[in-house]
Amino acid sequence: MTARRETQPERTALSWTRTALGVVAVAALIGHRAVVGGHPGVLVPAGVCALLGVALAAGVGTVRDRRVRDLASRDEAVADPRLAALATAVVVVVGAVAAVSVLVARLD
């Protein structure tokens, strides 16, 4: 009988995808608020946030998922602090853009 395989690496890989999709959703909400609120200047940062989310999902998420599966099959450590810092930076940037878009709308 084989030992039951731990699912933590798979959950971690799924959390990357969930984070990236959340970034894209927030970027879409910022873009919607820019169009509806009449603030076209906020569309550019919203587009940048959307591109960051797509890059996080398509690039980092896919590469990370593949790497996690490979390392987990060999029972090696799968942690990568640099990628976690990158994802954190993307979330902070999108949060800052969201805060600015709310403040711009409040100034009117």
N, C-alpha and C. Protein backbone atom coordinates (compact mmCIF):
# COMPACT_ATOMS: atom_id res chain seq x y z
N MET A 1 0.84 -1.16 0.00
CA MET A 1 0.00 0.00 0.00
C MET A 1 0.90 1.24 0.00
N THR A 2 0.53 2.22 -0.81
CA THR A 2 1.31 3.45 -0.88
C THR A 2 0.78 4.45 0.13
N ALA A 3 1.67 5.34 0.57
CA ALA A 3 1.29 6.37 1.53
C ALA A 3 0.40 7.41 0.84
N ARG A 4 -0.53 7.92 1.59
CA ARG A 4 -1.42 8.95 1.06
C ARG A 4 -0.63 10.23 0.80
N ARG A 5 -0.78 10.77 -0.39
CA ARG A 5 -0.03 11.95 -0.79
C ARG A 5 -0.65 13.21 -0.19
N GLU A 6 0.19 14.09 0.29
CA GLU A 6 -0.26 15.35 0.89
C GLU A 6 -0.81 16.28 -0.19
N THR A 7 -1.88 16.99 0.11
CA THR A 7 -2.52 17.86 -0.87
C THR A 7 -2.16 19.33 -0.70
N GLN A 8 -1.31 19.67 0.25
CA GLN A 8 -0.95 21.06 0.47
C GLN A 8 -0.35 21.73 -0.78
N PRO A 9 0.56 21.09 -1.50
CA PRO A 9 1.10 21.75 -2.70
C PRO A 9 0.02 22.06 -3.74
N GLU A 10 -0.94 21.16 -3.89
CA GLU A 10 -2.02 21.42 -4.85
C GLU A 10 -2.89 22.58 -4.39
N ARG A 11 -3.16 22.64 -3.10
CA ARG A 11 -3.96 23.77 -2.57
C ARG A 11 -3.22 25.08 -2.73
N THR A 12 -1.91 25.04 -2.55
CA THR A 12 -1.11 26.25 -2.73
C THR A 12 -1.16 26.71 -4.18
N ALA A 13 -1.04 25.80 -5.11
CA ALA A 13 -1.11 26.15 -6.53
C ALA A 13 -2.48 26.72 -6.89
N LEU A 14 -3.52 26.15 -6.32
CA LEU A 14 -4.86 26.68 -6.56
C LEU A 14 -5.03 28.07 -5.96
N SER A 15 -4.38 28.34 -4.85
CA SER A 15 -4.49 29.66 -4.24
C SER A 15 -3.83 30.72 -5.12
N TRP A 16 -2.78 30.36 -5.85
CA TRP A 16 -2.17 31.30 -6.80
C TRP A 16 -3.19 31.69 -7.87
N THR A 17 -3.89 30.72 -8.39
CA THR A 17 -4.89 30.99 -9.41
C THR A 17 -6.02 31.84 -8.84
N ARG A 18 -6.45 31.53 -7.65
CA ARG A 18 -7.52 32.30 -7.01
C ARG A 18 -7.09 33.75 -6.77
N THR A 19 -5.86 33.95 -6.35
CA THR A 19 -5.35 35.30 -6.14
C THR A 19 -5.31 36.08 -7.45
N ALA A 20 -4.83 35.45 -8.50
CA ALA A 20 -4.75 36.12 -9.80
C ALA A 20 -6.13 36.47 -10.33
N LEU A 21 -7.09 35.58 -10.18
CA LEU A 21 -8.46 35.87 -10.62
C LEU A 21 -9.07 37.00 -9.80
N GLY A 22 -8.74 37.06 -8.53
CA GLY A 22 -9.20 38.16 -7.69
C GLY A 22 -8.63 39.50 -8.15
N VAL A 23 -7.36 39.50 -8.56
CA VAL A 23 -6.73 40.72 -9.07
C VAL A 23 -7.43 41.18 -10.34
N VAL A 24 -7.72 40.25 -11.25
CA VAL A 24 -8.42 40.60 -12.49
C VAL A 24 -9.82 41.13 -12.18
N ALA A 25 -10.51 40.53 -11.23
CA ALA A 25 -11.86 40.99 -10.87
C ALA A 25 -11.82 42.40 -10.29
N VAL A 26 -10.87 42.69 -9.43
CA VAL A 26 -10.75 44.03 -8.86
C VAL A 26 -10.41 45.03 -9.96
N ALA A 27 -9.55 44.66 -10.89
CA ALA A 27 -9.21 45.54 -12.01
C ALA A 27 -10.45 45.83 -12.85
N ALA A 28 -11.29 44.83 -13.07
CA ALA A 28 -12.53 45.06 -13.82
C ALA A 28 -13.46 46.01 -13.07
N LEU A 29 -13.53 45.86 -11.77
CA LEU A 29 -14.37 46.77 -10.97
C LEU A 29 -13.82 48.21 -11.00
N ILE A 30 -12.51 48.35 -10.97
CA ILE A 30 -11.91 49.68 -11.07
C ILE A 30 -12.24 50.29 -12.43
N GLY A 31 -12.10 49.49 -13.48
CA GLY A 31 -12.43 49.96 -14.83
C GLY A 31 -13.88 50.35 -14.95
N HIS A 32 -14.76 49.56 -14.38
CA HIS A 32 -16.19 49.87 -14.42
C HIS A 32 -16.47 51.18 -13.70
N ARG A 33 -15.86 51.35 -12.55
CA ARG A 33 -16.06 52.59 -11.79
C ARG A 33 -15.52 53.79 -12.55
N ALA A 34 -14.42 53.60 -13.28
CA ALA A 34 -13.85 54.70 -14.07
C ALA A 34 -14.79 55.10 -15.20
N VAL A 35 -15.39 54.13 -15.85
CA VAL A 35 -16.29 54.43 -16.98
C VAL A 35 -17.59 55.03 -16.47
N VAL A 36 -18.20 54.41 -15.48
CA VAL A 36 -19.48 54.89 -14.95
C VAL A 36 -19.31 56.23 -14.24
N GLY A 37 -18.22 56.39 -13.52
CA GLY A 37 -18.00 57.62 -12.76
C GLY A 37 -17.42 58.76 -13.59
N GLY A 38 -17.11 58.50 -14.85
CA GLY A 38 -16.58 59.55 -15.70
C GLY A 38 -15.15 59.94 -15.38
N HIS A 39 -14.33 58.97 -15.01
CA HIS A 39 -12.92 59.23 -14.70
C HIS A 39 -12.05 58.40 -15.64
N PRO A 40 -11.91 58.83 -16.90
CA PRO A 40 -11.16 58.01 -17.86
C PRO A 40 -9.68 57.87 -17.51
N GLY A 41 -9.14 58.75 -16.70
CA GLY A 41 -7.74 58.64 -16.30
C GLY A 41 -7.46 57.42 -15.45
N VAL A 42 -8.48 56.87 -14.83
CA VAL A 42 -8.30 55.68 -13.99
C VAL A 42 -8.30 54.40 -14.83
N LEU A 43 -8.70 54.52 -16.10
CA LEU A 43 -8.73 53.33 -16.95
C LEU A 43 -7.34 52.75 -17.20
N VAL A 44 -6.34 53.60 -17.34
CA VAL A 44 -4.99 53.10 -17.59
C VAL A 44 -4.47 52.29 -16.40
N PRO A 45 -4.55 52.80 -15.16
CA PRO A 45 -4.13 51.95 -14.04
C PRO A 45 -4.97 50.68 -13.91
N ALA A 46 -6.25 50.77 -14.24
CA ALA A 46 -7.10 49.56 -14.20
C ALA A 46 -6.62 48.54 -15.21
N GLY A 47 -6.25 49.01 -16.39
CA GLY A 47 -5.73 48.10 -17.41
C GLY A 47 -4.41 47.47 -17.00
N VAL A 48 -3.56 48.26 -16.36
CA VAL A 48 -2.28 47.72 -15.88
C VAL A 48 -2.54 46.65 -14.81
N CYS A 49 -3.48 46.91 -13.93
CA CYS A 49 -3.83 45.92 -12.89
C CYS A 49 -4.36 44.64 -13.52
N ALA A 50 -5.19 44.79 -14.54
CA ALA A 50 -5.72 43.60 -15.22
C ALA A 50 -4.60 42.81 -15.87
N LEU A 51 -3.66 43.50 -16.50
CA LEU A 51 -2.52 42.80 -17.11
C LEU A 51 -1.66 42.10 -16.06
N LEU A 52 -1.48 42.74 -14.91
CA LEU A 52 -0.73 42.09 -13.83
C LEU A 52 -1.43 40.81 -13.36
N GLY A 53 -2.75 40.89 -13.25
CA GLY A 53 -3.52 39.70 -12.83
C GLY A 53 -3.44 38.58 -13.85
N VAL A 54 -3.55 38.94 -15.12
CA VAL A 54 -3.45 37.92 -16.18
C VAL A 54 -2.05 37.32 -16.21
N ALA A 55 -1.03 38.16 -16.06
CA ALA A 55 0.35 37.65 -16.03
C ALA A 55 0.56 36.74 -14.84
N LEU A 56 -0.02 37.11 -13.71
CA LEU A 56 0.11 36.27 -12.51
C LEU A 56 -0.57 34.92 -12.72
N ALA A 57 -1.74 34.94 -13.35
CA ALA A 57 -2.47 33.69 -13.58
C ALA A 57 -1.81 32.84 -14.66
N ALA A 58 -1.52 33.47 -15.79
CA ALA A 58 -1.00 32.71 -16.93
C ALA A 58 0.47 32.33 -16.77
N GLY A 59 1.26 33.30 -16.34
CA GLY A 59 2.69 33.03 -16.26
C GLY A 59 3.10 32.36 -14.98
N VAL A 60 3.03 33.10 -13.91
CA VAL A 60 3.52 32.61 -12.62
C VAL A 60 2.68 31.42 -12.14
N GLY A 61 1.36 31.52 -12.25
CA GLY A 61 0.50 30.44 -11.77
C GLY A 61 0.75 29.13 -12.47
N THR A 62 0.85 29.18 -13.80
CA THR A 62 1.06 27.96 -14.57
C THR A 62 2.43 27.36 -14.31
N VAL A 63 3.45 28.21 -14.33
CA VAL A 63 4.81 27.73 -14.08
C VAL A 63 4.91 27.17 -12.66
N ARG A 64 4.32 27.88 -11.71
CA ARG A 64 4.36 27.44 -10.31
C ARG A 64 3.64 26.11 -10.14
N ASP A 65 2.49 25.96 -10.79
CA ASP A 65 1.74 24.72 -10.68
C ASP A 65 2.56 23.55 -11.21
N ARG A 66 3.17 23.73 -12.34
CA ARG A 66 3.99 22.67 -12.94
C ARG A 66 5.16 22.32 -12.02
N ARG A 67 5.81 23.36 -11.47
CA ARG A 67 6.96 23.14 -10.59
C ARG A 67 6.53 22.45 -9.29
N VAL A 68 5.39 22.86 -8.74
CA VAL A 68 4.90 22.25 -7.50
C VAL A 68 4.62 20.77 -7.72
N ARG A 69 3.97 20.44 -8.80
CA ARG A 69 3.68 19.02 -9.08
C ARG A 69 4.95 18.21 -9.22
N ASP A 70 5.95 18.78 -9.90
CA ASP A 70 7.21 18.07 -10.09
C ASP A 70 7.93 17.86 -8.76
N LEU A 71 8.04 18.92 -7.97
CA LEU A 71 8.73 18.81 -6.69
C LEU A 71 7.98 17.93 -5.69
N ALA A 72 6.66 18.03 -5.69
CA ALA A 72 5.87 17.22 -4.76
C ALA A 72 5.98 15.73 -5.10
N SER A 73 6.09 15.41 -6.38
CA SER A 73 6.22 14.00 -6.75
C SER A 73 7.55 13.41 -6.30
N ARG A 74 8.54 14.29 -6.11
CA ARG A 74 9.85 13.84 -5.63
C ARG A 74 10.03 14.07 -4.14
N ASP A 75 8.96 14.49 -3.46
CA ASP A 75 8.98 14.77 -2.02
C ASP A 75 10.04 15.81 -1.64
N GLU A 76 10.15 16.86 -2.45
CA GLU A 76 11.05 17.97 -2.16
C GLU A 76 10.25 19.17 -1.71
N ALA A 77 10.91 20.12 -1.07
CA ALA A 77 10.24 21.34 -0.61
C ALA A 77 9.77 22.15 -1.82
N VAL A 78 8.57 22.71 -1.71
CA VAL A 78 7.99 23.44 -2.84
C VAL A 78 7.90 24.95 -2.61
N ALA A 79 8.33 25.42 -1.44
CA ALA A 79 8.21 26.84 -1.12
C ALA A 79 9.15 27.67 -2.01
N ASP A 80 8.65 28.83 -2.44
CA ASP A 80 9.45 29.78 -3.21
C ASP A 80 9.11 31.18 -2.73
N PRO A 81 9.88 31.73 -1.81
CA PRO A 81 9.56 33.03 -1.22
C PRO A 81 9.53 34.17 -2.24
N ARG A 82 10.31 34.07 -3.32
CA ARG A 82 10.32 35.15 -4.32
C ARG A 82 8.97 35.27 -5.02
N LEU A 83 8.37 34.15 -5.35
CA LEU A 83 7.06 34.20 -6.01
C LEU A 83 5.98 34.69 -5.06
N ALA A 84 6.10 34.33 -3.80
CA ALA A 84 5.14 34.84 -2.81
C ALA A 84 5.28 36.35 -2.67
N ALA A 85 6.51 36.85 -2.69
CA ALA A 85 6.72 38.29 -2.62
C ALA A 85 6.17 38.99 -3.86
N LEU A 86 6.32 38.36 -5.02
CA LEU A 86 5.78 38.93 -6.26
C LEU A 86 4.26 39.02 -6.20
N ALA A 87 3.62 37.95 -5.78
CA ALA A 87 2.16 37.96 -5.67
C ALA A 87 1.70 39.00 -4.66
N THR A 88 2.41 39.13 -3.56
CA THR A 88 2.07 40.13 -2.55
C THR A 88 2.20 41.53 -3.13
N ALA A 89 3.26 41.77 -3.89
CA ALA A 89 3.46 43.09 -4.50
C ALA A 89 2.33 43.42 -5.48
N VAL A 90 1.91 42.44 -6.27
CA VAL A 90 0.82 42.66 -7.22
C VAL A 90 -0.46 43.00 -6.47
N VAL A 91 -0.76 42.28 -5.41
CA VAL A 91 -1.98 42.54 -4.63
C VAL A 91 -1.91 43.92 -3.99
N VAL A 92 -0.75 44.32 -3.49
CA VAL A 92 -0.61 45.65 -2.88
C VAL A 92 -0.79 46.74 -3.92
N VAL A 93 -0.22 46.58 -5.11
CA VAL A 93 -0.38 47.58 -6.18
C VAL A 93 -1.84 47.71 -6.57
N VAL A 94 -2.52 46.58 -6.75
CA VAL A 94 -3.93 46.63 -7.13
C VAL A 94 -4.76 47.25 -6.01
N GLY A 95 -4.45 46.95 -4.78
CA GLY A 95 -5.16 47.57 -3.66
C GLY A 95 -4.96 49.08 -3.62
N ALA A 96 -3.73 49.52 -3.91
CA ALA A 96 -3.46 50.96 -3.93
C ALA A 96 -4.21 51.64 -5.07
N VAL A 97 -4.25 51.02 -6.23
CA VAL A 97 -4.99 51.59 -7.36
C VAL A 97 -6.48 51.63 -7.04
N ALA A 98 -6.99 50.60 -6.40
CA ALA A 98 -8.40 50.60 -6.01
C ALA A 98 -8.70 51.72 -5.03
N ALA A 99 -7.81 51.93 -4.07
CA ALA A 99 -8.01 53.01 -3.10
C ALA A 99 -7.98 54.37 -3.78
N VAL A 100 -7.06 54.56 -4.70
CA VAL A 100 -6.98 55.83 -5.44
C VAL A 100 -8.24 56.04 -6.27
N SER A 101 -8.74 54.98 -6.90
CA SER A 101 -9.96 55.15 -7.71
C SER A 101 -11.16 55.52 -6.85
N VAL A 102 -11.23 55.01 -5.64
CA VAL A 102 -12.30 55.38 -4.74
C VAL A 102 -12.14 56.84 -4.30
N LEU A 103 -10.91 57.23 -3.99
CA LEU A 103 -10.67 58.62 -3.57
C LEU A 103 -10.94 59.61 -4.70
N VAL A 104 -10.59 59.26 -5.92
CA VAL A 104 -10.87 60.14 -7.07
C VAL A 104 -12.37 60.32 -7.23
N ALA A 105 -13.12 59.26 -7.07
CA ALA A 105 -14.57 59.35 -7.20
C ALA A 105 -15.17 60.20 -6.07
N ARG A 106 -14.58 60.14 -4.89
CA ARG A 106 -15.10 60.91 -3.75
C ARG A 106 -14.83 62.41 -3.88
N LEU A 107 -13.80 62.77 -4.64
CA LEU A 107 -13.45 64.18 -4.79
C LEU A 107 -14.45 64.96 -5.63
N ASP A 108 -15.23 64.26 -6.42
CA ASP A 108 -16.22 64.95 -7.27
C ASP A 108 -17.43 65.42 -6.52
